[in-house]
Amino acid sequence: MCDYKKIFSEVLATHNNHAKWDDSAFGRIKTISNTKVGTVGQDFVEKMCKALGIDCFFPLNENGKRLTQSPWDMKINNVTFELKTATEDTNGKFQFNHIRYHRPYEAVLCLGVSPNSLHFGVWSKADVVTGKAGNLVSMEKGANASYKLTKAPKDLIDIKDFKKRIEEFTAAFK
């Protein structure tokens, strides 16, 4: 069995600043920059996929180095994903920011980090664009380039079901 909390804690330990949620398993994530939160999410999903035997890789440049800027963040079982990571806010919700329609990815994977638990959701790009994934709010007035998707933990899937759900979801693209 995969120890999700241990893997996430190991990844989180490599991206640390001063602890804010002292009594929580994942409190350190609240003290790092949003960019680093995204990096923690990507590193976690990559390590999870490897631990669970799921095919996963990142876009590479011509020299074989991982791209930091790409139209998609990672490919899981040959499906390209935009990956968004958010921490639970004071209202008990996750705000997944900067979801962009115009980029060529096939699906969105959202990782929600609560103080002591992890949640995720996956949606096809079509479900995001048509609103089936939830209500998207523009991040800028008068602009339609970047959106925010807000979800409660109850609207997401517990991380222990990651392997089953990712395999079911990606199989639908074949």
C-alpha atoms as a PDB file:
ATOM      1  CA  MET A   1       0.000   0.000   0.000  1.00  0.00           C
ATOM      2  CA  CYS A   2       1.214   3.462  -0.835  1.00  0.00           C
ATOM      3  CA  ASP A   3       1.784   5.778   2.136  1.00  0.00           C
ATOM      4  CA  TYR A   4       0.348   9.011   0.703  1.00  0.00           C
ATOM      5  CA  LYS A   5       1.007  11.098   3.803  1.00  0.00           C
ATOM      6  CA  LYS A   6       4.635   9.969   4.013  1.00  0.00           C
ATOM      7  CA  ILE A   7       5.309  10.710   0.332  1.00  0.00           C
ATOM      8  CA  PHE A   8       3.674  14.126   0.534  1.00  0.00           C
ATOM      9  CA  SER A   9       5.532  14.961   3.757  1.00  0.00           C
ATOM     10  CA  GLU A  10       8.844  13.961   2.121  1.00  0.00           C
ATOM     11  CA  VAL A  11       8.170  16.232  -0.855  1.00  0.00           C
ATOM     12  CA  LEU A  12       6.990  19.032   1.424  1.00  0.00           C
ATOM     13  CA  ALA A  13      10.167  18.778   3.516  1.00  0.00           C
ATOM     14  CA  THR A  14      12.205  19.748   0.443  1.00  0.00           C
ATOM     15  CA  HIS A  15      10.234  23.003   0.065  1.00  0.00           C
ATOM     16  CA  ASN A  16      10.212  24.552   3.493  1.00  0.00           C
ATOM     17  CA  ASN A  17       9.951  27.936   5.158  1.00  0.00           C
ATOM     18  CA  HIS A  18       8.755  28.790   8.665  1.00  0.00           C
ATOM     19  CA  ALA A  19       5.913  26.534   9.867  1.00  0.00           C
ATOM     20  CA  LYS A  20       2.502  28.160  10.351  1.00  0.00           C
ATOM     21  CA  TRP A  21       0.245  25.193  11.060  1.00  0.00           C
ATOM     22  CA  ASP A  22       2.436  23.690  13.757  1.00  0.00           C
ATOM     23  CA  ASP A  23       0.095  20.852  14.743  1.00  0.00           C
ATOM     24  CA  SER A  24      -0.818  19.722  11.236  1.00  0.00           C
ATOM     25  CA  ALA A  25       0.756  17.167   8.946  1.00  0.00           C
ATOM     26  CA  PHE A  26       1.072  19.551   5.986  1.00  0.00           C
ATOM     27  CA  GLY A  27       1.261  22.960   7.685  1.00  0.00           C
ATOM     28  CA  ARG A  28       4.563  23.895   6.126  1.00  0.00           C
ATOM     29  CA  ILE A  29       2.865  24.348   2.757  1.00  0.00           C
ATOM     30  CA  LYS A  30       1.050  27.428   4.089  1.00  0.00           C
ATOM     31  CA  THR A  31       4.342  29.268   4.506  1.00  0.00           C
ATOM     32  CA  ILE A  32       5.785  28.872   1.022  1.00  0.00           C
ATOM     33  CA  SER A  33       5.126  30.910  -2.108  1.00  0.00           C
ATOM     34  CA  ASN A  34       2.336  29.979  -4.508  1.00  0.00           C
ATOM     35  CA  THR A  35       4.933  29.020  -7.114  1.00  0.00           C
ATOM     36  CA  LYS A  36       6.524  26.596  -4.673  1.00  0.00           C
ATOM     37  CA  VAL A  37       3.078  25.233  -3.739  1.00  0.00           C
ATOM     38  CA  GLY A  38       2.664  24.329  -7.416  1.00  0.00           C
ATOM     39  CA  THR A  39       6.101  22.713  -7.461  1.00  0.00           C
ATOM     40  CA  VAL A  40       5.240  20.683  -4.349  1.00  0.00           C
ATOM     41  CA  GLY A  41       2.050  19.533  -6.088  1.00  0.00           C
ATOM     42  CA  GLN A  42       3.901  18.500  -9.240  1.00  0.00           C
ATOM     43  CA  ASP A  43       6.639  16.707  -7.306  1.00  0.00           C
ATOM     44  CA  PHE A  44       4.038  14.939  -5.168  1.00  0.00           C
ATOM     45  CA  VAL A  45       1.961  13.760  -8.128  1.00  0.00           C
ATOM     46  CA  GLU A  46       5.119  12.581  -9.901  1.00  0.00           C
ATOM     47  CA  LYS A  47       6.278  10.591  -6.844  1.00  0.00           C
ATOM     48  CA  MET A  48       2.764   9.217  -6.330  1.00  0.00           C
ATOM     49  CA  CYS A  49       2.597   8.021  -9.923  1.00  0.00           C
ATOM     50  CA  LYS A  50       5.993   6.350  -9.628  1.00  0.00           C
ATOM     51  CA  ALA A  51       5.067   4.714  -6.293  1.00  0.00           C
ATOM     52  CA  LEU A  52       1.809   3.425  -7.773  1.00  0.00           C
ATOM     53  CA  GLY A  53       3.293   2.260 -11.087  1.00  0.00           C
ATOM     54  CA  ILE A  54       1.470   4.888 -13.148  1.00  0.00           C
ATOM     55  CA  ASP A  55       3.154   6.215 -16.310  1.00  0.00           C
ATOM     56  CA  CYS A  56       4.026   9.886 -15.818  1.00  0.00           C
ATOM     57  CA  PHE A  57       6.432  12.353 -17.395  1.00  0.00           C
ATOM     58  CA  PHE A  58       7.012  16.056 -17.949  1.00  0.00           C
ATOM     59  CA  PRO A  59       7.643  18.049 -21.117  1.00  0.00           C
ATOM     60  CA  LEU A  60      11.362  18.264 -21.906  1.00  0.00           C
ATOM     61  CA  ASN A  61      13.472  20.657 -23.945  1.00  0.00           C
ATOM     62  CA  GLU A  62      15.791  19.568 -26.769  1.00  0.00           C
ATOM     63  CA  ASN A  63      18.528  18.832 -24.184  1.00  0.00           C
ATOM     64  CA  GLY A  64      16.279  16.519 -22.171  1.00  0.00           C
ATOM     65  CA  LYS A  65      15.776  18.985 -19.294  1.00  0.00           C
ATOM     66  CA  ARG A  66      12.349  19.488 -17.765  1.00  0.00           C
ATOM     67  CA  LEU A  67      10.595  22.583 -19.095  1.00  0.00           C
ATOM     68  CA  THR A  68       9.412  25.055 -16.478  1.00  0.00           C
ATOM     69  CA  GLN A  69       7.064  26.728 -18.963  1.00  0.00           C
ATOM     70  CA  SER A  70       4.932  24.506 -21.164  1.00  0.00           C
ATOM     71  CA  PRO A  71       1.353  24.355 -22.492  1.00  0.00           C
ATOM     72  CA  TRP A  72       0.778  21.343 -20.199  1.00  0.00           C
ATOM     73  CA  ASP A  73       2.331  20.367 -16.879  1.00  0.00           C
ATOM     74  CA  MET A  74       2.570  16.589 -16.980  1.00  0.00           C
ATOM     75  CA  LYS A  75       1.471  13.579 -18.969  1.00  0.00           C
ATOM     76  CA  ILE A  76      -0.133  10.706 -17.060  1.00  0.00           C
ATOM     77  CA  ASN A  77      -0.954   7.516 -18.972  1.00  0.00           C
ATOM     78  CA  ASN A  78      -0.526   9.511 -22.220  1.00  0.00           C
ATOM     79  CA  VAL A  79      -3.057  12.191 -21.203  1.00  0.00           C
ATOM     80  CA  THR A  80      -1.721  15.755 -20.914  1.00  0.00           C
ATOM     81  CA  PHE A  81      -2.723  17.536 -17.708  1.00  0.00           C
ATOM     82  CA  GLU A  82      -2.722  21.054 -16.401  1.00  0.00           C
ATOM     83  CA  LEU A  83      -1.935  20.546 -12.697  1.00  0.00           C
ATOM     84  CA  LYS A  84      -3.194  22.976 -10.060  1.00  0.00           C
ATOM     85  CA  THR A  85      -2.424  22.811  -6.343  1.00  0.00           C
ATOM     86  CA  ALA A  86      -4.241  24.825  -3.682  1.00  0.00           C
ATOM     87  CA  THR A  87      -4.331  24.928   0.094  1.00  0.00           C
ATOM     88  CA  GLU A  88      -7.559  24.996   2.046  1.00  0.00           C
ATOM     89  CA  ASP A  89      -8.524  28.609   2.734  1.00  0.00           C
ATOM     90  CA  THR A  90     -10.155  30.099   5.830  1.00  0.00           C
ATOM     91  CA  ASN A  91     -13.601  29.207   4.429  1.00  0.00           C
ATOM     92  CA  GLY A  92     -12.671  25.544   4.070  1.00  0.00           C
ATOM     93  CA  LYS A  93     -12.409  25.728   0.256  1.00  0.00           C
ATOM     94  CA  PHE A  94      -9.674  25.318  -2.333  1.00  0.00           C
ATOM     95  CA  GLN A  95      -9.164  28.014  -4.950  1.00  0.00           C
ATOM     96  CA  PHE A  96      -7.439  26.543  -7.979  1.00  0.00           C
ATOM     97  CA  ASN A  97      -6.072  29.579  -9.803  1.00  0.00           C
ATOM     98  CA  HIS A  98      -4.975  30.321 -13.354  1.00  0.00           C
ATOM     99  CA  ILE A  99      -6.865  27.639 -15.217  1.00  0.00           C
ATOM    100  CA  ARG A 100      -6.460  28.620 -18.867  1.00  0.00           C
ATOM    101  CA  TYR A 101      -8.701  27.465 -21.723  1.00  0.00           C
ATOM    102  CA  HIS A 102      -6.365  28.430 -24.532  1.00  0.00           C
ATOM    103  CA  ARG A 103      -3.549  26.012 -23.682  1.00  0.00           C
ATOM    104  CA  PRO A 104      -3.346  22.623 -25.439  1.00  0.00           C
ATOM    105  CA  TYR A 105      -3.878  20.149 -22.602  1.00  0.00           C
ATOM    106  CA  GLU A 106      -6.480  17.392 -22.371  1.00  0.00           C
ATOM    107  CA  ALA A 107      -7.425  17.477 -18.687  1.00  0.00           C
ATOM    108  CA  VAL A 108      -7.039  19.328 -15.400  1.00  0.00           C
ATOM    109  CA  LEU A 109      -5.844  17.672 -12.188  1.00  0.00           C
ATOM    110  CA  CYS A 110      -6.454  19.691  -9.018  1.00  0.00           C
ATOM    111  CA  LEU A 111      -4.672  18.762  -5.781  1.00  0.00           C
ATOM    112  CA  GLY A 112      -6.195  20.193  -2.598  1.00  0.00           C
ATOM    113  CA  VAL A 113      -4.064  20.313   0.537  1.00  0.00           C
ATOM    114  CA  SER A 114      -5.862  20.476   3.894  1.00  0.00           C
ATOM    115  CA  PRO A 115      -3.924  20.619   7.171  1.00  0.00           C
ATOM    116  CA  ASN A 116      -4.090  16.840   7.635  1.00  0.00           C
ATOM    117  CA  SER A 117      -5.499  15.421   4.414  1.00  0.00           C
ATOM    118  CA  LEU A 118      -5.137  15.525   0.641  1.00  0.00           C
ATOM    119  CA  HIS A 119      -7.884  15.629  -1.978  1.00  0.00           C
ATOM    120  CA  PHE A 120      -7.933  15.731  -5.757  1.00  0.00           C
ATOM    121  CA  GLY A 121     -10.202  16.089  -8.738  1.00  0.00           C
ATOM    122  CA  VAL A 122      -9.762  15.398 -12.440  1.00  0.00           C
ATOM    123  CA  TRP A 123     -11.803  16.799 -15.290  1.00  0.00           C
ATOM    124  CA  SER A 124     -11.463  16.763 -19.047  1.00  0.00           C
ATOM    125  CA  LYS A 125     -10.762  20.106 -20.669  1.00  0.00           C
ATOM    126  CA  ALA A 126     -14.210  19.857 -22.271  1.00  0.00           C
ATOM    127  CA  ASP A 127     -15.803  19.510 -18.814  1.00  0.00           C
ATOM    128  CA  VAL A 128     -13.865  22.551 -17.602  1.00  0.00           C
ATOM    129  CA  VAL A 129     -14.821  24.670 -20.631  1.00  0.00           C
ATOM    130  CA  THR A 130     -18.520  23.708 -20.473  1.00  0.00           C
ATOM    131  CA  GLY A 131     -18.814  24.251 -16.710  1.00  0.00           C
ATOM    132  CA  LYS A 132     -19.315  20.581 -15.802  1.00  0.00           C
ATOM    133  CA  ALA A 133     -16.210  20.774 -13.587  1.00  0.00           C
ATOM    134  CA  GLY A 134     -17.727  23.689 -11.685  1.00  0.00           C
ATOM    135  CA  ASN A 135     -18.179  27.426 -11.902  1.00  0.00           C
ATOM    136  CA  LEU A 136     -15.113  29.237 -13.193  1.00  0.00           C
ATOM    137  CA  VAL A 137     -14.543  32.866 -12.265  1.00  0.00           C
ATOM    138  CA  SER A 138     -12.304  35.141 -14.307  1.00  0.00           C
ATOM    139  CA  MET A 139      -9.143  36.126 -12.425  1.00  0.00           C
ATOM    140  CA  GLU A 140      -9.122  39.547 -14.123  1.00  0.00           C
ATOM    141  CA  LYS A 141     -11.988  41.928 -14.784  1.00  0.00           C
ATOM    142  CA  GLY A 142     -12.778  42.120 -18.466  1.00  0.00           C
ATOM    143  CA  ALA A 143     -10.287  39.389 -19.365  1.00  0.00           C
ATOM    144  CA  ASN A 144     -10.974  35.820 -20.352  1.00  0.00           C
ATOM    145  CA  ALA A 145      -7.506  34.283 -20.214  1.00  0.00           C
ATOM    146  CA  SER A 146      -7.256  32.904 -16.682  1.00  0.00           C
ATOM    147  CA  TYR A 147      -9.882  31.450 -14.362  1.00  0.00           C
ATOM    148  CA  LYS A 148     -10.327  30.256 -10.792  1.00  0.00           C
ATOM    149  CA  LEU A 149     -12.154  27.047  -9.832  1.00  0.00           C
ATOM    150  CA  THR A 150     -13.319  26.835  -6.211  1.00  0.00           C
ATOM    151  CA  LYS A 151     -14.009  23.448  -4.632  1.00  0.00           C
ATOM    152  CA  ALA A 152     -14.811  22.155  -1.145  1.00  0.00           C
ATOM    153  CA  PRO A 153     -13.061  19.008   0.119  1.00  0.00           C
ATOM    154  CA  LYS A 154     -16.385  17.133  -0.147  1.00  0.00           C
ATOM    155  CA  ASP A 155     -16.427  17.917  -3.891  1.00  0.00           C
ATOM    156  CA  LEU A 156     -13.057  16.237  -4.383  1.00  0.00           C
ATOM    157  CA  ILE A 157     -11.740  12.681  -4.019  1.00  0.00           C
ATOM    158  CA  ASP A 158      -9.654  11.440  -1.097  1.00  0.00           C
ATOM    159  CA  ILE A 159      -6.051  10.900  -2.185  1.00  0.00           C
ATOM    160  CA  LYS A 160      -6.165   7.223  -1.201  1.00  0.00           C
ATOM    161  CA  ASP A 161      -8.316   6.665  -4.312  1.00  0.00           C
ATOM    162  CA  PHE A 162      -5.770   8.333  -6.647  1.00  0.00           C
ATOM    163  CA  LYS A 163      -4.641   5.201  -8.510  1.00  0.00           C
ATOM    164  CA  LYS A 164      -8.138   3.897  -9.191  1.00  0.00           C
ATOM    165  CA  ARG A 165      -9.554   7.247 -10.288  1.00  0.00           C
ATOM    166  CA  ILE A 166      -6.573   8.259 -12.464  1.00  0.00           C
ATOM    167  CA  GLU A 167      -6.567   4.899 -14.211  1.00  0.00           C
ATOM    168  CA  GLU A 168     -10.331   5.062 -14.843  1.00  0.00           C
ATOM    169  CA  PHE A 169     -10.121   8.668 -16.003  1.00  0.00           C
ATOM    170  CA  THR A 170      -7.155   8.239 -18.358  1.00  0.00           C
ATOM    171  CA  ALA A 171      -8.584   4.998 -19.809  1.00  0.00           C
ATOM    172  CA  ALA A 172     -11.539   7.035 -21.104  1.00  0.00           C
ATOM    173  CA  PHE A 173      -9.135   8.957 -23.395  1.00  0.00           C
ATOM    174  CA  LYS A 174      -7.908   5.810 -25.195  1.00  0.00           C
END
